[in-house]
């Protein structure tokens, strides 16, 4: 899970421009090729890359409950796999935050899957 906050000082009454983007990357080592499901959550524009290939993109939304969970089916290759998430931030009132949540569901056992930063 990743969150990035920028607070407006002093209190603001209007929208705050949000020219920010966060990028998070991790590496996953798989002992064998495996089908996985990535559960990715966000309310702002988000992109997910696996081994430098864009595998998911969403434009985000502004509404009363904008956070949405996505299920992305894909495959890990044997060996090192790179997962990269970029999340932008849509304008909002009084503060900015950009964030996402991500979980990988796999049939790989604990000794077949290793997360590396």
N, C-alpha and C. Protein backbone atom coordinates (compact mmCIF):
# COMPACT_ATOMS: atom_id res chain seq x y z
N UNK A 1 0.85 -1.16 0.00
CA UNK A 1 0.00 0.00 0.00
C UNK A 1 0.90 1.23 0.00
N UNK A 2 0.53 2.21 -0.77
CA UNK A 2 1.33 3.44 -0.86
C UNK A 2 0.41 4.64 -0.75
N UNK A 3 0.82 5.64 0.03
CA UNK A 3 0.09 6.91 0.12
C UNK A 3 1.10 8.05 0.11
N UNK A 4 0.72 9.13 -0.56
CA UNK A 4 1.55 10.34 -0.59
C UNK A 4 0.63 11.52 -0.35
N UNK A 5 0.92 12.30 0.70
CA UNK A 5 0.06 13.42 1.07
C UNK A 5 0.77 14.74 0.84
N UNK A 6 0.01 15.74 0.40
CA UNK A 6 0.47 17.12 0.35
C UNK A 6 -0.66 17.96 0.92
N UNK A 7 -0.44 18.62 2.07
CA UNK A 7 -1.48 19.42 2.72
C UNK A 7 -1.35 20.87 2.32
N UNK A 8 -2.49 21.51 2.09
CA UNK A 8 -2.50 22.94 1.76
C UNK A 8 -2.39 23.75 3.04
N UNK A 9 -1.54 24.77 3.03
CA UNK A 9 -1.40 25.67 4.18
C UNK A 9 -1.43 27.08 3.65
N UNK A 10 -2.27 27.98 4.12
CA UNK A 10 -3.33 27.74 5.11
C UNK A 10 -4.53 27.07 4.48
N UNK A 11 -5.61 26.93 5.27
CA UNK A 11 -6.84 26.30 4.79
C UNK A 11 -7.28 26.93 3.47
N UNK A 12 -7.66 26.11 2.51
CA UNK A 12 -8.06 26.59 1.18
C UNK A 12 -9.54 26.30 0.96
N UNK A 13 -10.19 27.14 0.20
CA UNK A 13 -11.62 26.97 -0.04
C UNK A 13 -11.92 26.41 -1.42
N UNK A 14 -10.95 26.33 -2.28
CA UNK A 14 -11.21 25.88 -3.64
C UNK A 14 -10.40 24.64 -3.97
N UNK A 15 -10.36 24.32 -5.25
CA UNK A 15 -9.59 23.16 -5.69
C UNK A 15 -8.10 23.47 -5.71
N UNK A 16 -7.33 22.46 -5.41
CA UNK A 16 -5.88 22.58 -5.41
C UNK A 16 -5.36 21.88 -6.66
N UNK A 17 -4.57 22.55 -7.47
CA UNK A 17 -4.00 21.85 -8.63
C UNK A 17 -3.17 20.68 -8.13
N UNK A 18 -3.17 19.62 -8.85
CA UNK A 18 -2.51 18.42 -8.34
C UNK A 18 -1.55 17.86 -9.38
N UNK A 19 -0.50 18.56 -9.60
CA UNK A 19 0.51 18.12 -10.56
C UNK A 19 1.50 17.20 -9.87
N UNK A 20 1.03 16.06 -9.45
CA UNK A 20 1.91 15.10 -8.81
C UNK A 20 1.59 13.70 -9.29
N UNK A 21 2.57 12.85 -9.18
CA UNK A 21 2.42 11.46 -9.57
C UNK A 21 3.35 10.65 -8.68
N UNK A 22 2.89 9.48 -8.24
CA UNK A 22 3.77 8.60 -7.48
C UNK A 22 4.07 7.39 -8.34
N UNK A 23 5.24 6.85 -8.13
CA UNK A 23 5.66 5.66 -8.85
C UNK A 23 6.27 4.70 -7.84
N UNK A 24 5.82 3.47 -7.85
CA UNK A 24 6.35 2.44 -6.95
C UNK A 24 6.72 1.23 -7.78
N UNK A 25 7.83 0.64 -7.43
CA UNK A 25 8.31 -0.53 -8.18
C UNK A 25 8.78 -1.59 -7.21
N UNK A 26 8.47 -2.84 -7.52
CA UNK A 26 8.98 -3.96 -6.76
C UNK A 26 9.33 -5.09 -7.73
N UNK A 27 10.10 -6.01 -7.24
CA UNK A 27 10.51 -7.16 -8.06
C UNK A 27 10.00 -8.43 -7.39
N UNK A 28 9.51 -9.34 -8.21
CA UNK A 28 8.97 -10.61 -7.73
C UNK A 28 9.73 -11.72 -8.45
N UNK A 29 10.32 -12.63 -7.68
CA UNK A 29 11.00 -13.77 -8.26
C UNK A 29 10.07 -14.98 -8.16
N UNK A 30 9.85 -15.64 -9.30
CA UNK A 30 8.98 -16.82 -9.34
C UNK A 30 9.79 -18.04 -9.74
N UNK A 31 9.60 -19.13 -9.04
CA UNK A 31 10.34 -20.37 -9.31
C UNK A 31 9.86 -21.05 -10.59
N UNK A 32 8.68 -20.64 -11.04
CA UNK A 32 8.13 -21.19 -12.29
C UNK A 32 7.13 -20.20 -12.86
N UNK A 33 6.82 -20.36 -14.15
CA UNK A 33 5.80 -19.52 -14.77
C UNK A 33 4.48 -19.79 -14.05
N UNK A 34 3.74 -18.72 -13.77
CA UNK A 34 2.52 -18.89 -12.99
C UNK A 34 1.48 -17.85 -13.37
N UNK A 35 0.23 -18.28 -13.42
CA UNK A 35 -0.89 -17.36 -13.60
C UNK A 35 -1.15 -16.70 -12.26
N UNK A 36 -1.37 -15.38 -12.27
CA UNK A 36 -1.64 -14.66 -11.04
C UNK A 36 -2.83 -13.71 -11.25
N UNK A 37 -3.40 -13.26 -10.14
CA UNK A 37 -4.40 -12.21 -10.16
C UNK A 37 -3.86 -11.09 -9.28
N UNK A 38 -3.80 -9.89 -9.85
CA UNK A 38 -3.37 -8.72 -9.09
C UNK A 38 -4.63 -7.94 -8.73
N UNK A 39 -4.80 -7.68 -7.45
CA UNK A 39 -5.92 -6.85 -6.97
C UNK A 39 -5.36 -5.46 -6.71
N UNK A 40 -5.79 -4.52 -7.52
CA UNK A 40 -5.26 -3.16 -7.51
C UNK A 40 -6.39 -2.20 -7.17
N UNK A 41 -6.17 -1.34 -6.19
CA UNK A 41 -7.19 -0.38 -5.79
C UNK A 41 -6.70 1.04 -5.92
N UNK A 42 -7.60 1.93 -6.39
CA UNK A 42 -7.25 3.34 -6.54
C UNK A 42 -8.50 4.14 -6.85
N UNK A 43 -8.41 5.46 -6.67
CA UNK A 43 -9.49 6.34 -7.10
C UNK A 43 -9.01 7.32 -8.16
N UNK A 44 -7.72 7.46 -8.31
CA UNK A 44 -7.14 8.38 -9.28
C UNK A 44 -6.60 7.62 -10.48
N UNK A 45 -6.16 8.32 -11.52
CA UNK A 45 -5.58 7.64 -12.68
C UNK A 45 -4.42 6.74 -12.25
N UNK A 46 -4.40 5.53 -12.77
CA UNK A 46 -3.38 4.57 -12.36
C UNK A 46 -2.99 3.70 -13.55
N UNK A 47 -1.73 3.28 -13.57
CA UNK A 47 -1.23 2.36 -14.59
C UNK A 47 -0.40 1.28 -13.91
N UNK A 48 -0.49 0.08 -14.43
CA UNK A 48 0.27 -1.05 -13.90
C UNK A 48 1.09 -1.65 -15.03
N UNK A 49 2.38 -1.80 -14.78
CA UNK A 49 3.30 -2.39 -15.75
C UNK A 49 3.87 -3.68 -15.17
N UNK A 50 3.99 -4.70 -16.01
CA UNK A 50 4.67 -5.93 -15.66
C UNK A 50 5.78 -6.13 -16.67
N UNK A 51 7.01 -6.16 -16.18
CA UNK A 51 8.19 -6.31 -17.04
C UNK A 51 8.18 -5.29 -18.18
N UNK A 52 7.93 -4.04 -17.81
CA UNK A 52 7.93 -2.87 -18.71
C UNK A 52 6.81 -2.88 -19.74
N UNK A 53 5.81 -3.74 -19.59
CA UNK A 53 4.66 -3.77 -20.49
C UNK A 53 3.43 -3.29 -19.73
N UNK A 54 2.73 -2.30 -20.29
CA UNK A 54 1.51 -1.81 -19.67
C UNK A 54 0.45 -2.90 -19.72
N UNK A 55 -0.03 -3.34 -18.54
CA UNK A 55 -1.04 -4.41 -18.52
C UNK A 55 -2.38 -3.91 -17.99
N UNK A 56 -2.42 -2.70 -17.41
CA UNK A 56 -3.69 -2.16 -16.92
C UNK A 56 -3.60 -0.65 -16.82
N UNK A 57 -4.73 0.01 -17.12
CA UNK A 57 -4.81 1.47 -17.01
C UNK A 57 -6.24 1.85 -16.66
N UNK A 58 -6.40 2.85 -15.77
CA UNK A 58 -7.71 3.38 -15.42
C UNK A 58 -7.58 4.89 -15.28
N UNK A 59 -8.60 5.63 -15.74
CA UNK A 59 -8.55 7.09 -15.74
C UNK A 59 -8.98 7.73 -14.43
N UNK A 60 -9.41 6.94 -13.45
CA UNK A 60 -9.81 7.47 -12.15
C UNK A 60 -11.20 8.07 -12.18
N UNK A 61 -11.65 8.56 -11.03
CA UNK A 61 -12.99 9.12 -10.92
C UNK A 61 -13.08 10.03 -9.71
N UNK A 62 -14.00 10.98 -9.75
CA UNK A 62 -14.30 11.84 -8.61
C UNK A 62 -15.79 11.68 -8.33
N UNK A 63 -16.12 11.09 -7.20
CA UNK A 63 -17.50 10.88 -6.79
C UNK A 63 -17.51 10.65 -5.28
N UNK A 64 -18.66 10.36 -4.70
CA UNK A 64 -18.75 10.24 -3.25
C UNK A 64 -17.92 9.09 -2.70
N UNK A 65 -17.82 7.98 -3.40
CA UNK A 65 -16.97 6.85 -2.99
C UNK A 65 -16.16 6.41 -4.19
N UNK A 66 -15.10 7.15 -4.51
CA UNK A 66 -14.41 6.92 -5.79
C UNK A 66 -13.47 5.72 -5.81
N UNK A 67 -13.06 5.20 -4.65
CA UNK A 67 -12.09 4.10 -4.62
C UNK A 67 -12.69 2.86 -5.26
N UNK A 68 -11.94 2.24 -6.14
CA UNK A 68 -12.41 1.06 -6.85
C UNK A 68 -11.33 -0.01 -6.83
N UNK A 69 -11.74 -1.26 -6.74
CA UNK A 69 -10.82 -2.39 -6.74
C UNK A 69 -10.91 -3.09 -8.09
N UNK A 70 -9.76 -3.35 -8.69
CA UNK A 70 -9.69 -4.01 -9.99
C UNK A 70 -9.01 -5.36 -9.83
N UNK A 71 -9.44 -6.35 -10.60
CA UNK A 71 -8.80 -7.66 -10.65
C UNK A 71 -8.17 -7.83 -12.02
N UNK A 72 -6.85 -7.98 -12.05
CA UNK A 72 -6.11 -8.09 -13.30
C UNK A 72 -5.47 -9.48 -13.37
N UNK A 73 -5.84 -10.27 -14.35
CA UNK A 73 -5.24 -11.59 -14.54
C UNK A 73 -4.06 -11.46 -15.49
N UNK A 74 -2.94 -12.05 -15.08
CA UNK A 74 -1.73 -11.99 -15.90
C UNK A 74 -0.82 -13.17 -15.52
N UNK A 75 0.37 -13.21 -16.06
CA UNK A 75 1.31 -14.31 -15.78
C UNK A 75 2.66 -13.76 -15.34
N UNK A 76 3.24 -14.43 -14.35
CA UNK A 76 4.65 -14.17 -14.01
C UNK A 76 5.50 -15.12 -14.84
N UNK A 77 6.65 -14.65 -15.26
CA UNK A 77 7.59 -15.51 -15.96
C UNK A 77 8.52 -16.16 -14.94
N UNK A 78 9.22 -17.19 -15.35
CA UNK A 78 10.23 -17.82 -14.51
C UNK A 78 11.31 -16.80 -14.20
N UNK A 79 11.67 -16.67 -12.94
CA UNK A 79 12.74 -15.74 -12.56
C UNK A 79 12.21 -14.40 -12.11
N UNK A 80 12.99 -13.37 -12.38
CA UNK A 80 12.68 -12.02 -11.90
C UNK A 80 11.61 -11.35 -12.76
N UNK A 81 10.60 -10.79 -12.09
CA UNK A 81 9.53 -10.02 -12.72
C UNK A 81 9.48 -8.65 -12.05
N UNK A 82 9.30 -7.61 -12.83
CA UNK A 82 9.24 -6.25 -12.29
C UNK A 82 7.81 -5.73 -12.40
N UNK A 83 7.27 -5.29 -11.27
CA UNK A 83 5.95 -4.66 -11.22
C UNK A 83 6.14 -3.19 -10.90
N UNK A 84 5.53 -2.32 -11.72
CA UNK A 84 5.63 -0.87 -11.49
C UNK A 84 4.23 -0.28 -11.56
N UNK A 85 3.90 0.56 -10.59
CA UNK A 85 2.62 1.25 -10.53
C UNK A 85 2.89 2.74 -10.59
N UNK A 86 2.15 3.45 -11.45
CA UNK A 86 2.17 4.91 -11.42
C UNK A 86 0.75 5.36 -11.14
N UNK A 87 0.62 6.30 -10.19
CA UNK A 87 -0.69 6.84 -9.82
C UNK A 87 -0.59 8.35 -9.82
N UNK A 88 -1.48 8.99 -10.54
CA UNK A 88 -1.54 10.46 -10.57
C UNK A 88 -2.54 10.91 -9.52
N UNK A 89 -2.79 12.21 -9.44
CA UNK A 89 -3.75 12.72 -8.49
C UNK A 89 -4.67 13.71 -9.18
N UNK A 90 -5.98 13.49 -9.06
CA UNK A 90 -6.96 14.42 -9.59
C UNK A 90 -7.16 15.56 -8.60
N UNK A 91 -7.51 16.74 -9.09
CA UNK A 91 -7.73 17.90 -8.23
C UNK A 91 -8.84 17.62 -7.23
N UNK A 92 -8.66 18.13 -6.00
CA UNK A 92 -9.67 17.99 -4.97
C UNK A 92 -9.61 19.20 -4.05
N UNK A 93 -10.42 19.23 -3.01
CA UNK A 93 -10.51 20.40 -2.15
C UNK A 93 -9.66 20.24 -0.89
N UNK A 94 -8.84 21.24 -0.59
CA UNK A 94 -8.09 21.40 0.65
C UNK A 94 -6.85 20.52 0.83
N UNK A 95 -6.71 19.46 0.15
CA UNK A 95 -5.53 18.62 0.31
C UNK A 95 -5.40 17.72 -0.91
N UNK A 96 -4.25 17.13 -1.02
CA UNK A 96 -3.99 16.19 -2.11
C UNK A 96 -3.47 14.90 -1.51
N UNK A 97 -3.89 13.80 -2.02
CA UNK A 97 -3.21 12.55 -1.73
C UNK A 97 -3.37 11.64 -2.91
N UNK A 98 -2.34 10.92 -3.19
CA UNK A 98 -2.37 9.92 -4.25
C UNK A 98 -1.94 8.61 -3.61
N UNK A 99 -2.62 7.55 -3.91
CA UNK A 99 -2.27 6.28 -3.30
C UNK A 99 -2.91 5.13 -4.04
N UNK A 100 -2.52 3.93 -3.65
CA UNK A 100 -3.08 2.72 -4.23
C UNK A 100 -2.86 1.58 -3.27
N UNK A 101 -3.57 0.49 -3.49
CA UNK A 101 -3.31 -0.75 -2.78
C UNK A 101 -3.11 -1.85 -3.82
N UNK A 102 -2.28 -2.84 -3.50
CA UNK A 102 -2.03 -3.91 -4.46
C UNK A 102 -1.72 -5.20 -3.71
N UNK A 103 -2.36 -6.29 -4.14
CA UNK A 103 -2.13 -7.62 -3.60
C UNK A 103 -1.99 -8.57 -4.77
N UNK A 104 -1.07 -9.53 -4.65
CA UNK A 104 -0.90 -10.54 -5.69
C UNK A 104 -1.41 -11.87 -5.16
N UNK A 105 -2.37 -12.45 -5.88
CA UNK A 105 -2.87 -13.80 -5.57
C UNK A 105 -2.21 -14.77 -6.54
N UNK A 106 -1.63 -15.84 -5.98
CA UNK A 106 -0.90 -16.79 -6.81
C UNK A 106 -1.04 -18.19 -6.24
N UNK A 107 -0.87 -19.19 -7.08
CA UNK A 107 -0.85 -20.57 -6.59
C UNK A 107 0.57 -21.00 -6.22
N UNK A 108 1.54 -20.09 -6.32
CA UNK A 108 2.91 -20.42 -5.92
C UNK A 108 3.00 -20.53 -4.41
N UNK A 109 3.76 -21.50 -3.93
CA UNK A 109 3.95 -21.67 -2.49
C UNK A 109 4.94 -20.61 -1.98
N UNK A 110 5.05 -20.48 -0.68
CA UNK A 110 5.94 -19.48 -0.08
C UNK A 110 7.39 -19.64 -0.53
N UNK A 111 7.84 -20.86 -0.76
CA UNK A 111 9.23 -21.06 -1.17
C UNK A 111 9.43 -20.93 -2.69
N UNK A 112 8.34 -20.69 -3.44
CA UNK A 112 8.43 -20.49 -4.89
C UNK A 112 8.29 -19.04 -5.29
N UNK A 113 7.98 -18.15 -4.33
CA UNK A 113 7.71 -16.75 -4.63
C UNK A 113 8.47 -15.88 -3.65
N UNK A 114 9.24 -14.93 -4.17
CA UNK A 114 10.05 -14.06 -3.33
C UNK A 114 9.88 -12.63 -3.80
N UNK A 115 9.56 -11.73 -2.85
CA UNK A 115 9.44 -10.32 -3.16
C UNK A 115 10.75 -9.63 -2.83
N UNK A 116 11.23 -8.82 -3.77
CA UNK A 116 12.49 -8.11 -3.59
C UNK A 116 12.26 -6.64 -3.86
N UNK A 117 12.83 -5.77 -3.06
CA UNK A 117 12.72 -4.33 -3.31
C UNK A 117 13.89 -3.84 -4.11
